[in-house]
């Protein structure tokens, strides 16, 4: 069973993330999806409920769009609040030890813009160091991030292009999660 922490601030307006979630829901996987924006529109996160959800699962997928080279605010707040001292780290903070930390996100701009001479100057994986460090610090197994470029229809991608990329990402996630069973 896998836990999906959905950190999209407006999933109903999403094309890519919404498609990924739909594909996961329609798969044969046993999953629990926690849509942070739907659960906490006021940003008042129920820490104990979130920690209990984490304890129920071995595989934790963080699904979100890349915003300003990072995760959306609701997901960052979730990390700040839920991964408490003596729960996720500290002398008694081993509750996440050995669980799989699986980042899955979408990137609006094309891959060609993510290099040293491009508009965004860095490759996407360079923006993932905080995720890897969080997994390390909480004794979780960091899984290389799943992501794809080109989700912005404003950048010339068609709706079908985005949906197809999203379905492919979902398929890769499903295969990974099956491999952990």
Protein backbone atom coordinates (compact mmCIF):
# COMPACT_ATOMS: atom_id res chain seq x y z
CA UNK A 1 0.00 0.00 0.00
CA UNK A 2 1.28 3.47 -0.85
CA UNK A 3 0.55 6.90 0.53
CA UNK A 4 0.26 9.74 -1.97
CA UNK A 5 0.80 13.18 -0.45
CA UNK A 6 -0.74 15.46 -3.05
CA UNK A 7 0.70 18.94 -2.72
CA UNK A 8 -1.01 20.62 -5.66
CA UNK A 9 -2.60 23.92 -4.55
CA UNK A 10 -5.38 23.67 -7.15
CA UNK A 11 -5.72 20.11 -8.41
CA UNK A 12 -9.02 20.80 -10.18
CA UNK A 13 -7.25 23.26 -12.50
CA UNK A 14 -4.33 20.90 -13.07
CA UNK A 15 -3.87 18.86 -16.19
CA UNK A 16 -0.67 16.92 -15.50
CA UNK A 17 -0.97 16.22 -11.78
CA UNK A 18 -4.68 15.51 -12.06
CA UNK A 19 -3.99 12.95 -14.80
CA UNK A 20 -1.28 11.27 -12.72
CA UNK A 21 -3.62 10.99 -9.73
CA UNK A 22 -6.45 9.65 -11.90
CA UNK A 23 -4.14 6.97 -13.35
CA UNK A 24 -2.98 5.96 -9.87
CA UNK A 25 -6.59 5.76 -8.66
CA UNK A 26 -7.52 3.55 -11.63
CA UNK A 27 -4.57 1.22 -11.15
CA UNK A 28 -4.65 -2.03 -9.20
CA UNK A 29 -2.53 -0.48 -6.44
CA UNK A 30 -3.83 -0.05 -2.94
CA UNK A 31 -3.25 3.64 -2.31
CA UNK A 32 -4.30 6.34 0.10
CA UNK A 33 -4.34 9.84 -1.34
CA UNK A 34 -4.14 12.82 0.97
CA UNK A 35 -4.84 16.01 -0.96
CA UNK A 36 -3.39 18.66 1.32
CA UNK A 37 -5.30 21.56 -0.19
CA UNK A 38 -8.61 19.75 0.09
CA UNK A 39 -7.90 18.54 3.63
CA UNK A 40 -6.43 21.83 4.84
CA UNK A 41 -7.74 24.79 2.80
CA UNK A 42 -6.96 26.95 5.85
CA UNK A 43 -3.39 25.52 6.02
CA UNK A 44 -4.06 24.21 9.55
CA UNK A 45 -2.51 20.78 9.16
CA UNK A 46 -3.61 18.01 11.51
CA UNK A 47 -0.13 16.80 12.45
CA UNK A 48 -1.25 13.64 14.24
CA UNK A 49 -3.52 12.56 11.36
CA UNK A 50 -0.68 13.05 8.89
CA UNK A 51 1.79 11.17 11.08
CA UNK A 52 -0.68 8.30 11.47
CA UNK A 53 -1.03 8.15 7.68
CA UNK A 54 2.76 7.98 7.33
CA UNK A 55 2.93 5.14 9.87
CA UNK A 56 0.41 3.08 7.86
CA UNK A 57 2.57 2.99 4.71
CA UNK A 58 5.98 1.81 3.55
CA UNK A 59 5.96 3.86 0.31
CA UNK A 60 5.40 7.60 0.43
CA UNK A 61 4.92 9.45 -2.87
CA UNK A 62 5.04 13.24 -2.87
CA UNK A 63 3.10 14.44 -5.93
CA UNK A 64 3.22 18.13 -6.86
CA UNK A 65 4.07 20.71 -9.51
CA UNK A 66 7.47 22.39 -9.33
CA UNK A 67 6.82 26.02 -8.32
CA UNK A 68 9.69 28.48 -8.30
CA UNK A 69 12.20 25.61 -8.19
CA UNK A 70 10.58 24.08 -5.15
CA UNK A 71 7.39 22.52 -3.84
CA UNK A 72 4.16 24.50 -3.35
CA UNK A 73 3.72 26.26 0.02
CA UNK A 74 1.15 23.79 1.39
CA UNK A 75 3.55 20.88 0.89
CA UNK A 76 6.47 22.77 2.41
CA UNK A 77 4.31 23.57 5.43
CA UNK A 78 3.38 19.88 5.64
CA UNK A 79 7.09 18.97 5.84
CA UNK A 80 7.72 21.69 8.42
CA UNK A 81 4.83 20.61 10.65
CA UNK A 82 4.57 16.83 10.24
CA UNK A 83 8.22 15.79 10.32
CA UNK A 84 8.57 16.70 13.97
CA UNK A 85 11.50 16.20 16.30
CA UNK A 86 11.29 12.78 17.99
CA UNK A 87 8.92 11.58 15.25
CA UNK A 88 10.96 11.96 12.09
CA UNK A 89 14.36 12.76 13.57
CA UNK A 90 16.08 13.10 16.92
CA UNK A 91 17.20 10.45 19.44
CA UNK A 92 13.75 8.77 19.31
CA UNK A 93 12.74 10.05 15.87
CA UNK A 94 12.94 6.90 13.85
CA UNK A 95 9.28 6.47 12.85
CA UNK A 96 10.06 6.85 9.12
CA UNK A 97 13.20 4.72 9.10
CA UNK A 98 13.31 2.40 6.11
CA UNK A 99 10.25 3.85 4.36
CA UNK A 100 10.59 4.84 0.70
CA UNK A 101 10.62 8.58 -0.07
CA UNK A 102 9.41 8.99 -3.66
CA UNK A 103 9.28 12.49 -5.20
CA UNK A 104 7.01 12.81 -8.23
CA UNK A 105 6.53 16.22 -9.76
CA UNK A 106 5.85 18.09 -12.96
CA UNK A 107 7.82 20.91 -14.56
CA UNK A 108 6.12 23.52 -16.75
CA UNK A 109 9.07 24.62 -18.87
CA UNK A 110 10.84 22.50 -21.49
CA UNK A 111 13.92 20.51 -20.53
CA UNK A 112 16.04 22.65 -22.85
CA UNK A 113 15.66 25.59 -20.45
CA UNK A 114 17.17 23.67 -17.53
CA UNK A 115 20.92 23.80 -18.07
CA UNK A 116 23.76 26.19 -17.28
CA UNK A 117 23.12 28.32 -20.34
CA UNK A 118 19.35 28.06 -20.17
CA UNK A 119 16.75 30.37 -18.71
CA UNK A 120 16.65 28.42 -15.42
CA UNK A 121 20.45 27.97 -15.20
CA UNK A 122 20.40 24.56 -13.42
CA UNK A 123 19.24 21.06 -14.22
CA UNK A 124 16.09 20.01 -12.38
CA UNK A 125 17.85 17.37 -10.28
CA UNK A 126 19.89 20.18 -8.67
CA UNK A 127 16.67 21.50 -7.15
CA UNK A 128 16.07 18.12 -5.48
CA UNK A 129 18.94 18.17 -2.98
CA UNK A 130 16.61 19.33 -0.19
CA UNK A 131 14.41 16.28 -0.84
CA UNK A 132 17.35 13.92 -0.74
CA UNK A 133 18.63 15.50 2.48
CA UNK A 134 15.18 15.25 4.08
CA UNK A 135 15.03 11.54 3.25
CA UNK A 136 18.54 11.04 4.60
CA UNK A 137 17.84 12.98 7.80
CA UNK A 138 14.63 11.04 8.47
CA UNK A 139 16.34 7.69 7.68
CA UNK A 140 14.11 7.10 4.66
CA UNK A 141 15.21 5.49 1.40
CA UNK A 142 15.44 8.24 -1.22
CA UNK A 143 14.16 7.18 -4.62
CA UNK A 144 15.34 9.20 -7.60
CA UNK A 145 12.59 11.71 -8.48
CA UNK A 146 10.02 11.05 -11.16
CA UNK A 147 9.32 14.14 -13.22
CA UNK A 148 8.71 15.38 -16.71
CA UNK A 149 8.98 18.72 -18.48
CA UNK A 150 6.52 20.57 -20.60
CA UNK A 151 3.28 20.78 -18.67
CA UNK A 152 2.53 24.38 -19.51
CA UNK A 153 -0.03 24.75 -22.28
CA UNK A 154 1.06 28.41 -22.40
CA UNK A 155 4.47 27.19 -23.59
CA UNK A 156 2.98 25.53 -26.66
CA UNK A 157 2.28 22.02 -25.40
CA UNK A 158 -1.06 20.54 -26.30
CA UNK A 159 -3.44 19.15 -23.72
CA UNK A 160 -3.00 15.67 -25.17
CA UNK A 161 0.83 15.98 -25.05
CA UNK A 162 0.65 16.82 -21.34
CA UNK A 163 -1.83 14.05 -20.58
CA UNK A 164 0.29 11.48 -22.40
CA UNK A 165 3.42 12.49 -20.46
CA UNK A 166 1.41 12.33 -17.24
CA UNK A 167 0.10 8.86 -18.06
CA UNK A 168 3.67 7.71 -18.72
CA UNK A 169 4.85 9.10 -15.39
CA UNK A 170 1.95 7.40 -13.60
CA UNK A 171 2.82 4.11 -15.33
CA UNK A 172 6.44 4.39 -14.14
CA UNK A 173 5.25 5.13 -10.59
CA UNK A 174 2.86 2.17 -10.65
CA UNK A 175 5.65 -0.13 -11.81
CA UNK A 176 7.96 1.14 -9.08
CA UNK A 177 5.34 0.69 -6.39
CA UNK A 178 4.61 -2.84 -7.61
CA UNK A 179 8.32 -3.61 -7.40
CA UNK A 180 8.22 -2.78 -3.66
CA UNK A 181 5.40 -5.26 -2.97
